[in-house]
Amino acid sequence: MPRIRNDRNESIDQLFRAVLSLRDVDECYRFFGDLFTVQELSAFAQRLQVAHMLSSGKTYEAIRAEISTSSSTITRVNTELRYGSGGYQMVLERLNQDDSPSEP
């Protein structure tokens, strides 16, 4: 299966620049609300949620019990966590840093 990093082109670069231009969560809601259907946005959000749960050590069974997702989605996300380009791990680490309380 071809990977996105091998398929760089101007239209994808423009999409990524558009995402990088967003200033806050409200702007993300506005842009992604226009760009994706509710189902598409939910699917992407669910993949990130699955990545977080897998990186926290949850089993496939525990994930399926907590959220409504297929085993194939969990497997796909797990494969990317283990053998992908490191994007999930990078974002999860940054989100964890953002959630950490600041030291006085």
N, C-alpha and C. Protein backbone atom coordinates (compact mmCIF):
# COMPACT_ATOMS: atom_id res chain seq x y z
N MET A 1 0.86 -1.18 0.00
CA MET A 1 0.00 0.00 0.00
C MET A 1 0.90 1.23 0.00
N PRO A 2 0.69 2.16 -0.95
CA PRO A 2 1.53 3.36 -0.97
C PRO A 2 1.29 4.24 0.24
N ARG A 3 2.33 4.86 0.71
CA ARG A 3 2.25 5.71 1.89
C ARG A 3 2.18 7.17 1.44
N ILE A 4 1.50 7.98 2.21
CA ILE A 4 1.32 9.38 1.84
C ILE A 4 2.64 10.11 1.68
N ARG A 5 3.64 9.76 2.46
CA ARG A 5 4.91 10.47 2.36
C ARG A 5 5.58 10.24 1.01
N ASN A 6 5.19 9.18 0.29
CA ASN A 6 5.72 8.92 -1.04
C ASN A 6 4.90 9.60 -2.13
N ASP A 7 3.77 10.16 -1.77
CA ASP A 7 2.86 10.74 -2.75
C ASP A 7 2.75 12.25 -2.61
N ARG A 8 3.83 12.91 -2.27
CA ARG A 8 3.80 14.37 -2.11
C ARG A 8 3.41 15.03 -3.42
N ASN A 9 2.52 16.01 -3.30
CA ASN A 9 2.18 16.81 -4.47
C ASN A 9 1.65 18.16 -3.98
N GLU A 10 1.47 19.07 -4.90
CA GLU A 10 1.10 20.44 -4.54
C GLU A 10 -0.25 20.51 -3.84
N SER A 11 -1.22 19.70 -4.26
CA SER A 11 -2.53 19.80 -3.63
C SER A 11 -2.50 19.31 -2.18
N ILE A 12 -1.72 18.27 -1.90
CA ILE A 12 -1.58 17.80 -0.52
C ILE A 12 -0.79 18.82 0.29
N ASP A 13 0.27 19.38 -0.30
CA ASP A 13 1.03 20.43 0.40
C ASP A 13 0.11 21.60 0.75
N GLN A 14 -0.77 21.99 -0.19
CA GLN A 14 -1.68 23.10 0.07
C GLN A 14 -2.65 22.77 1.21
N LEU A 15 -3.13 21.54 1.24
CA LEU A 15 -4.00 21.12 2.34
C LEU A 15 -3.26 21.22 3.67
N PHE A 16 -2.04 20.73 3.73
CA PHE A 16 -1.28 20.78 4.97
C PHE A 16 -0.97 22.22 5.38
N ARG A 17 -0.67 23.07 4.41
CA ARG A 17 -0.45 24.49 4.74
C ARG A 17 -1.73 25.12 5.29
N ALA A 18 -2.86 24.72 4.74
CA ALA A 18 -4.15 25.22 5.24
C ALA A 18 -4.35 24.80 6.69
N VAL A 19 -4.05 23.55 7.00
CA VAL A 19 -4.19 23.06 8.38
C VAL A 19 -3.25 23.82 9.30
N LEU A 20 -2.02 24.03 8.86
CA LEU A 20 -1.05 24.76 9.68
C LEU A 20 -1.44 26.22 9.89
N SER A 21 -2.29 26.76 9.04
CA SER A 21 -2.72 28.15 9.19
C SER A 21 -3.80 28.33 10.24
N LEU A 22 -4.42 27.24 10.69
CA LEU A 22 -5.50 27.34 11.67
C LEU A 22 -4.93 27.77 13.01
N ARG A 23 -5.63 28.69 13.66
CA ARG A 23 -5.09 29.31 14.88
C ARG A 23 -5.61 28.71 16.18
N ASP A 24 -6.79 28.09 16.15
CA ASP A 24 -7.34 27.54 17.39
C ASP A 24 -8.38 26.47 17.07
N VAL A 25 -8.90 25.86 18.11
CA VAL A 25 -9.86 24.77 17.94
C VAL A 25 -11.12 25.24 17.22
N ASP A 26 -11.58 26.45 17.51
CA ASP A 26 -12.76 26.96 16.82
C ASP A 26 -12.54 27.05 15.31
N GLU A 27 -11.37 27.52 14.90
CA GLU A 27 -11.06 27.57 13.48
C GLU A 27 -11.00 26.17 12.89
N CYS A 28 -10.50 25.21 13.66
CA CYS A 28 -10.46 23.82 13.20
C CYS A 28 -11.87 23.29 12.98
N TYR A 29 -12.77 23.57 13.92
CA TYR A 29 -14.16 23.14 13.75
C TYR A 29 -14.75 23.73 12.48
N ARG A 30 -14.49 24.99 12.22
CA ARG A 30 -15.03 25.64 11.03
C ARG A 30 -14.47 25.02 9.75
N PHE A 31 -13.15 24.88 9.69
CA PHE A 31 -12.51 24.37 8.47
C PHE A 31 -12.84 22.90 8.25
N PHE A 32 -12.62 22.08 9.27
CA PHE A 32 -12.87 20.65 9.11
C PHE A 32 -14.35 20.35 8.94
N GLY A 33 -15.21 21.19 9.50
CA GLY A 33 -16.65 21.04 9.29
C GLY A 33 -17.04 21.26 7.84
N ASP A 34 -16.32 22.15 7.16
CA ASP A 34 -16.56 22.37 5.73
C ASP A 34 -15.89 21.28 4.88
N LEU A 35 -14.73 20.83 5.31
CA LEU A 35 -13.92 19.90 4.51
C LEU A 35 -14.45 18.48 4.55
N PHE A 36 -14.88 18.01 5.72
CA PHE A 36 -15.28 16.62 5.91
C PHE A 36 -16.76 16.50 6.21
N THR A 37 -17.30 15.32 5.89
CA THR A 37 -18.63 14.99 6.39
C THR A 37 -18.49 14.66 7.87
N VAL A 38 -19.60 14.61 8.57
CA VAL A 38 -19.58 14.25 9.99
C VAL A 38 -18.97 12.86 10.15
N GLN A 39 -19.31 11.94 9.26
CA GLN A 39 -18.80 10.57 9.36
C GLN A 39 -17.29 10.53 9.13
N GLU A 40 -16.79 11.29 8.16
CA GLU A 40 -15.35 11.31 7.91
C GLU A 40 -14.59 11.89 9.09
N LEU A 41 -15.07 12.98 9.62
CA LEU A 41 -14.41 13.61 10.76
C LEU A 41 -14.42 12.68 11.96
N SER A 42 -15.54 12.02 12.19
CA SER A 42 -15.64 11.06 13.30
C SER A 42 -14.67 9.90 13.12
N ALA A 43 -14.52 9.43 11.89
CA ALA A 43 -13.60 8.32 11.62
C ALA A 43 -12.15 8.71 11.93
N PHE A 44 -11.76 9.92 11.51
CA PHE A 44 -10.39 10.37 11.80
C PHE A 44 -10.17 10.57 13.30
N ALA A 45 -11.16 11.15 13.96
CA ALA A 45 -11.04 11.35 15.41
C ALA A 45 -10.96 10.01 16.13
N GLN A 46 -11.73 9.05 15.64
CA GLN A 46 -11.72 7.72 16.26
C GLN A 46 -10.37 7.04 16.10
N ARG A 47 -9.72 7.21 14.96
CA ARG A 47 -8.39 6.62 14.76
C ARG A 47 -7.39 7.18 15.77
N LEU A 48 -7.46 8.48 16.01
CA LEU A 48 -6.56 9.07 16.99
C LEU A 48 -6.88 8.55 18.39
N GLN A 49 -8.16 8.39 18.69
CA GLN A 49 -8.57 7.84 19.99
C GLN A 49 -8.04 6.41 20.14
N VAL A 50 -8.15 5.62 19.10
CA VAL A 50 -7.63 4.24 19.14
C VAL A 50 -6.11 4.26 19.34
N ALA A 51 -5.41 5.15 18.64
CA ALA A 51 -3.95 5.25 18.80
C ALA A 51 -3.60 5.58 20.25
N HIS A 52 -4.33 6.49 20.84
CA HIS A 52 -4.08 6.85 22.24
C HIS A 52 -4.30 5.65 23.15
N MET A 53 -5.39 4.93 22.93
CA MET A 53 -5.70 3.78 23.78
C MET A 53 -4.66 2.67 23.61
N LEU A 54 -4.25 2.42 22.37
CA LEU A 54 -3.22 1.40 22.14
C LEU A 54 -1.90 1.79 22.79
N SER A 55 -1.53 3.05 22.66
CA SER A 55 -0.26 3.49 23.25
C SER A 55 -0.32 3.49 24.77
N SER A 56 -1.53 3.49 25.31
CA SER A 56 -1.71 3.40 26.76
C SER A 56 -1.76 1.96 27.24
N GLY A 57 -1.61 1.01 26.30
CA GLY A 57 -1.55 -0.40 26.66
C GLY A 57 -2.88 -1.13 26.65
N LYS A 58 -3.92 -0.52 26.16
CA LYS A 58 -5.22 -1.19 26.12
C LYS A 58 -5.23 -2.27 25.04
N THR A 59 -5.96 -3.33 25.31
CA THR A 59 -6.09 -4.42 24.36
C THR A 59 -7.17 -4.11 23.33
N TYR A 60 -7.15 -4.87 22.24
CA TYR A 60 -8.19 -4.71 21.22
C TYR A 60 -9.57 -4.87 21.85
N GLU A 61 -9.71 -5.88 22.71
CA GLU A 61 -11.01 -6.15 23.34
C GLU A 61 -11.45 -4.97 24.21
N ALA A 62 -10.53 -4.41 24.96
CA ALA A 62 -10.87 -3.27 25.82
C ALA A 62 -11.27 -2.05 24.98
N ILE A 63 -10.58 -1.86 23.87
CA ILE A 63 -10.91 -0.73 23.00
C ILE A 63 -12.29 -0.93 22.39
N ARG A 64 -12.55 -2.12 21.88
CA ARG A 64 -13.86 -2.39 21.26
C ARG A 64 -14.98 -2.29 22.28
N ALA A 65 -14.70 -2.61 23.54
CA ALA A 65 -15.72 -2.49 24.58
C ALA A 65 -16.01 -1.03 24.91
N GLU A 66 -15.01 -0.18 24.75
CA GLU A 66 -15.15 1.23 25.13
C GLU A 66 -15.69 2.09 23.99
N ILE A 67 -15.25 1.82 22.77
CA ILE A 67 -15.74 2.60 21.63
C ILE A 67 -16.19 1.66 20.52
N SER A 68 -17.08 2.13 19.71
CA SER A 68 -17.62 1.33 18.62
C SER A 68 -16.69 1.45 17.41
N THR A 69 -15.80 0.47 17.29
CA THR A 69 -14.87 0.46 16.16
C THR A 69 -14.60 -0.97 15.75
N SER A 70 -14.16 -1.15 14.54
CA SER A 70 -13.89 -2.50 14.04
C SER A 70 -12.48 -2.95 14.42
N SER A 71 -12.31 -4.26 14.44
CA SER A 71 -10.98 -4.81 14.68
C SER A 71 -10.02 -4.39 13.57
N SER A 72 -10.53 -4.25 12.35
CA SER A 72 -9.64 -3.85 11.25
C SER A 72 -9.13 -2.42 11.44
N THR A 73 -9.95 -1.54 11.99
CA THR A 73 -9.48 -0.18 12.28
C THR A 73 -8.41 -0.21 13.35
N ILE A 74 -8.63 -0.99 14.38
CA ILE A 74 -7.64 -1.10 15.46
C ILE A 74 -6.33 -1.67 14.92
N THR A 75 -6.44 -2.69 14.08
CA THR A 75 -5.25 -3.30 13.49
C THR A 75 -4.51 -2.30 12.62
N ARG A 76 -5.24 -1.55 11.80
CA ARG A 76 -4.61 -0.56 10.93
C ARG A 76 -3.86 0.48 11.75
N VAL A 77 -4.50 1.00 12.79
CA VAL A 77 -3.86 2.01 13.64
C VAL A 77 -2.65 1.40 14.35
N ASN A 78 -2.79 0.19 14.85
CA ASN A 78 -1.68 -0.47 15.54
C ASN A 78 -0.50 -0.68 14.60
N THR A 79 -0.77 -1.05 13.37
CA THR A 79 0.29 -1.22 12.38
C THR A 79 1.03 0.09 12.15
N GLU A 80 0.29 1.18 12.04
CA GLU A 80 0.93 2.49 11.85
C GLU A 80 1.72 2.90 13.09
N LEU A 81 1.18 2.61 14.27
CA LEU A 81 1.93 2.92 15.50
C LEU A 81 3.25 2.18 15.54
N ARG A 82 3.25 0.94 15.10
CA ARG A 82 4.45 0.11 15.19
C ARG A 82 5.42 0.31 14.03
N TYR A 83 4.87 0.47 12.82
CA TYR A 83 5.73 0.45 11.64
C TYR A 83 5.59 1.69 10.76
N GLY A 84 4.76 2.63 11.16
CA GLY A 84 4.51 3.81 10.35
C GLY A 84 5.62 4.84 10.46
N SER A 85 5.30 6.04 10.08
CA SER A 85 6.30 7.11 10.03
C SER A 85 6.47 7.83 11.36
N GLY A 86 5.74 7.41 12.40
CA GLY A 86 5.89 8.01 13.71
C GLY A 86 4.96 9.19 13.96
N GLY A 87 4.06 9.45 13.04
CA GLY A 87 3.15 10.59 13.18
C GLY A 87 2.22 10.49 14.37
N TYR A 88 1.63 9.31 14.56
CA TYR A 88 0.74 9.14 15.71
C TYR A 88 1.50 9.41 17.01
N GLN A 89 2.66 8.77 17.15
CA GLN A 89 3.43 8.90 18.39
C GLN A 89 3.83 10.35 18.64
N MET A 90 4.24 11.04 17.60
CA MET A 90 4.64 12.44 17.72
C MET A 90 3.47 13.29 18.24
N VAL A 91 2.31 13.11 17.64
CA VAL A 91 1.14 13.90 18.04
C VAL A 91 0.68 13.52 19.45
N LEU A 92 0.68 12.23 19.76
CA LEU A 92 0.26 11.81 21.10
C LEU A 92 1.18 12.37 22.17
N GLU A 93 2.49 12.38 21.90
CA GLU A 93 3.44 12.96 22.86
C GLU A 93 3.18 14.45 23.05
N ARG A 94 2.91 15.15 21.97
CA ARG A 94 2.63 16.58 22.07
C ARG A 94 1.33 16.85 22.81
N LEU A 95 0.33 16.03 22.56
CA LEU A 95 -0.93 16.20 23.28
C LEU A 95 -0.75 15.93 24.77
N ASN A 96 0.08 14.93 25.11
CA ASN A 96 0.37 14.64 26.52
C ASN A 96 1.10 15.80 27.16
N GLN A 97 2.01 16.43 26.43
CA GLN A 97 2.72 17.60 26.96
C GLN A 97 1.76 18.74 27.21
N ASP A 98 0.82 18.94 26.30
CA ASP A 98 -0.16 20.01 26.45
C ASP A 98 -1.09 19.78 27.64
N ASP A 99 -1.34 18.49 27.95
CA ASP A 99 -2.22 18.14 29.06
C ASP A 99 -1.52 18.12 30.41
N SER A 100 -0.18 18.11 30.38
CA SER A 100 0.57 18.05 31.63
C SER A 100 0.47 19.38 32.36
N PRO A 101 0.31 19.30 33.69
CA PRO A 101 0.28 20.54 34.45
C PRO A 101 1.63 21.23 34.41
N SER A 102 1.61 22.53 34.31
CA SER A 102 2.86 23.30 34.29
C SER A 102 3.44 23.38 35.69
N GLU A 103 4.77 23.34 35.73
CA GLU A 103 5.45 23.48 37.01
C GLU A 103 5.51 24.94 37.38
N PRO A 104 5.32 25.27 38.66
CA PRO A 104 5.38 26.68 39.08
C PRO A 104 6.76 27.27 38.99
